[in-house]
Amino acid sequence: QYVKQRPVRQFQPKRLTNRPLFDVLRLVGKEVGVPVRVEPGALQSLPLQTQRSFSVNITQQTAEEAFDTICAYTGLGYFIDAEGVLFYRPEGLTSMTPESGGEFSAVTAQLPAPKQVHDPYVAKIVVPLENDQTVEWLIRASELPADLLEQREKDIASFIEAMRKVTKGERE
């Protein structure tokens, strides 16, 4: 793989704040000397706020870890090939089929299917290190035990119910 074949240096801690997402992707690629491409329509499929004003804190990470972090917050996927890194919209792989009248782009048709399109990140563990540095671990739903997933669903339902009560009181 392109990124793995080249020597990948660690990023120095960098906070990118309120920048267009495309600029953030290109900056990360430039930092490690990897060309970055984006499938047509992938960025447009994201909320306008994400497209125009994206913020990310990149700690001392490899290129793949930085790309994973960005994808965790945007829902995009990425594919590493001989030409560099291609960011794409994973939903395009499953929702557009020739049978449904959709068409694959030339790029998307060549991509492998994502491991699990509907396996969102549901938790983040931040471990403090020396010198005010941290290590962050993103956890996917498939990595949690069943009892914690069940508790998560209950917590979400409780939060939604509380929000409904608050907003209902405001409307009255």
Protein backbone atom coordinates (compact mmCIF):
# COMPACT_ATOMS: atom_id res chain seq x y z
CA GLN A 1 0.00 0.00 0.00
CA TYR A 2 1.19 3.46 -0.90
CA VAL A 3 1.25 4.93 2.60
CA LYS A 4 2.84 1.84 4.09
CA GLN A 5 5.52 1.58 1.37
CA ARG A 6 6.79 5.09 1.97
CA PRO A 7 8.52 6.12 5.18
CA VAL A 8 5.77 7.78 7.21
CA ARG A 9 6.91 10.25 9.77
CA GLN A 10 4.95 11.18 12.84
CA PHE A 11 2.92 14.37 12.79
CA GLN A 12 3.92 16.98 15.26
CA PRO A 13 0.82 17.89 17.30
CA LYS A 14 -1.31 20.15 15.16
CA ARG A 15 -4.73 21.69 15.70
CA LEU A 16 -6.57 22.51 12.49
CA THR A 17 -9.52 24.71 13.33
CA ASN A 18 -12.45 25.91 11.24
CA ARG A 19 -10.93 25.06 7.87
CA PRO A 20 -12.55 23.64 4.75
CA LEU A 21 -12.43 19.85 4.98
CA PHE A 22 -10.76 19.57 1.58
CA ASP A 23 -7.93 21.81 2.81
CA VAL A 24 -7.51 19.64 5.92
CA LEU A 25 -7.30 16.45 3.83
CA ARG A 26 -4.73 17.97 1.49
CA LEU A 27 -2.67 19.38 4.37
CA VAL A 28 -2.48 15.98 6.06
CA GLY A 29 -1.42 14.38 2.77
CA LYS A 30 1.15 17.08 2.15
CA GLU A 31 2.62 16.64 5.64
CA VAL A 32 3.48 13.01 4.87
CA GLY A 33 4.12 13.36 1.14
CA VAL A 34 1.03 11.44 0.01
CA PRO A 35 -1.24 12.69 -2.79
CA VAL A 36 -4.87 13.01 -1.66
CA ARG A 37 -7.88 12.68 -3.96
CA VAL A 38 -11.58 12.91 -3.18
CA GLU A 39 -14.26 11.05 -5.11
CA PRO A 40 -16.63 13.48 -6.85
CA GLY A 41 -19.65 14.15 -4.66
CA ALA A 42 -18.12 12.72 -1.49
CA LEU A 43 -17.62 16.06 0.22
CA GLN A 44 -20.95 17.40 -1.06
CA SER A 45 -22.68 14.48 0.67
CA LEU A 46 -21.57 15.87 4.05
CA PRO A 47 -23.32 18.62 6.01
CA LEU A 48 -22.36 22.08 4.79
CA GLN A 49 -20.89 22.95 8.20
CA THR A 50 -18.53 19.96 7.98
CA GLN A 51 -17.50 20.87 4.44
CA ARG A 52 -16.73 24.51 5.25
CA SER A 53 -15.59 24.57 8.86
CA PHE A 54 -13.86 21.37 9.96
CA SER A 55 -11.69 21.13 13.06
CA VAL A 56 -9.43 18.30 14.14
CA ASN A 57 -6.62 17.90 16.63
CA ILE A 58 -3.91 15.69 15.18
CA THR A 59 -1.55 14.38 17.81
CA GLN A 60 1.65 12.49 17.10
CA GLN A 61 0.14 10.01 14.69
CA THR A 62 1.00 8.15 11.54
CA ALA A 63 -0.72 9.16 8.30
CA GLU A 64 -3.19 6.28 8.56
CA GLU A 65 -4.09 7.22 12.13
CA ALA A 66 -4.68 10.83 11.07
CA PHE A 67 -6.87 9.69 8.16
CA ASP A 68 -8.77 7.35 10.51
CA THR A 69 -9.42 10.26 12.87
CA ILE A 70 -10.77 12.45 10.07
CA CYS A 71 -12.96 9.62 8.78
CA ALA A 72 -14.30 8.96 12.27
CA TYR A 73 -15.63 12.51 12.43
CA THR A 74 -16.88 12.78 8.84
CA GLY A 75 -18.18 9.32 7.98
CA LEU A 76 -16.02 9.20 4.86
CA GLY A 77 -13.94 6.17 4.00
CA TYR A 78 -10.53 6.11 2.41
CA PHE A 79 -8.67 3.75 0.17
CA ILE A 80 -4.91 3.61 -0.27
CA ASP A 81 -3.62 2.70 -3.70
CA ALA A 82 -0.59 3.27 -5.91
CA GLU A 83 -1.68 6.86 -6.60
CA GLY A 84 -2.06 7.90 -2.96
CA VAL A 85 -5.17 8.18 -0.82
CA LEU A 86 -8.72 8.40 -2.12
CA PHE A 87 -11.51 9.57 0.18
CA TYR A 88 -14.97 8.32 -0.72
CA ARG A 89 -18.51 8.11 0.61
CA PRO A 90 -19.06 4.54 1.90
CA GLU A 91 -22.84 4.75 1.44
CA GLY A 92 -22.24 4.97 -2.31
CA LEU A 93 -20.90 1.43 -2.24
CA THR A 94 -24.03 -0.08 -0.78
CA SER A 95 -26.88 2.21 -1.77
CA MET A 96 -26.14 2.55 -5.47
CA THR A 97 -26.52 -0.65 -7.39
CA PRO A 98 -27.08 -1.26 -11.08
CA GLU A 99 -30.37 -2.99 -10.14
CA SER A 100 -31.63 0.17 -8.43
CA GLY A 101 -30.80 2.31 -11.43
CA GLY A 102 -27.83 3.93 -9.69
CA GLU A 103 -24.46 4.13 -11.28
CA PHE A 104 -21.08 3.61 -9.71
CA SER A 105 -18.39 6.13 -10.47
CA ALA A 106 -15.32 4.71 -12.16
CA VAL A 107 -13.37 5.17 -8.94
CA THR A 108 -15.94 3.73 -6.54
CA ALA A 109 -16.48 0.65 -8.69
CA GLN A 110 -12.84 -0.31 -8.11
CA LEU A 111 -12.94 0.06 -4.32
CA PRO A 112 -13.26 -2.91 -2.02
CA ALA A 113 -16.44 -3.00 0.01
CA PRO A 114 -15.94 -1.39 3.42
CA LYS A 115 -15.56 -3.79 6.32
CA GLN A 116 -18.79 -2.64 7.92
CA VAL A 117 -20.53 0.41 6.56
CA HIS A 118 -22.80 0.72 9.59
CA ASP A 119 -20.25 0.32 12.37
CA PRO A 120 -20.01 3.81 13.83
CA TYR A 121 -17.53 5.04 16.38
CA VAL A 122 -19.41 5.16 19.68
CA ALA A 123 -16.75 5.99 22.25
CA LYS A 124 -13.40 7.67 22.63
CA ILE A 125 -10.85 6.94 25.32
CA VAL A 126 -8.30 9.66 26.00
CA VAL A 127 -5.20 8.55 27.90
CA PRO A 128 -3.01 11.35 29.28
CA LEU A 129 0.74 10.99 28.78
CA GLU A 130 3.70 13.00 29.93
CA ASN A 131 4.32 16.54 28.64
CA ASP A 132 0.60 17.29 28.15
CA GLN A 133 0.31 14.73 25.37
CA THR A 134 -2.49 12.24 24.97
CA VAL A 135 -3.31 9.04 23.14
CA GLU A 136 -6.85 8.73 21.81
CA TRP A 137 -8.57 5.43 21.07
CA LEU A 138 -11.77 5.43 18.99
CA ILE A 139 -14.07 2.48 19.64
CA ARG A 140 -16.55 1.12 17.10
CA ALA A 141 -19.93 -0.32 18.09
CA SER A 142 -18.78 -3.80 17.01
CA GLU A 143 -15.94 -3.62 19.55
CA LEU A 144 -18.18 -3.11 22.58
CA PRO A 145 -19.60 -6.04 24.56
CA ALA A 146 -23.35 -6.59 24.25
CA ASP A 147 -24.12 -5.32 27.77
CA LEU A 148 -22.40 -1.99 27.10
CA LEU A 149 -24.16 -1.61 23.76
CA GLU A 150 -27.47 -2.24 25.52
CA GLN A 151 -26.62 0.33 28.20
CA ARG A 152 -25.62 2.81 25.49
CA GLU A 153 -29.01 2.38 23.79
CA LYS A 154 -30.79 2.95 27.12
CA ASP A 155 -28.72 6.08 27.79
CA ILE A 156 -29.54 7.45 24.34
CA ALA A 157 -33.25 6.74 24.81
CA SER A 158 -33.19 8.48 28.23
CA PHE A 159 -31.41 11.49 26.77
CA ILE A 160 -33.92 11.75 23.90
CA GLU A 161 -36.84 11.52 26.33
CA ALA A 162 -35.34 14.23 28.55
CA MET A 163 -34.80 16.48 25.53
CA ARG A 164 -38.42 15.95 24.45
CA LYS A 165 -39.62 17.01 27.90
CA VAL A 166 -37.44 20.11 27.83
CA THR A 167 -38.45 21.14 24.31
CA LYS A 168 -42.12 20.37 24.99
CA GLY A 169 -41.99 22.68 28.03
CA GLU A 170 -40.46 25.44 25.91
CA ARG A 171 -43.21 25.16 23.29
CA GLU A 172 -46.04 25.44 25.81
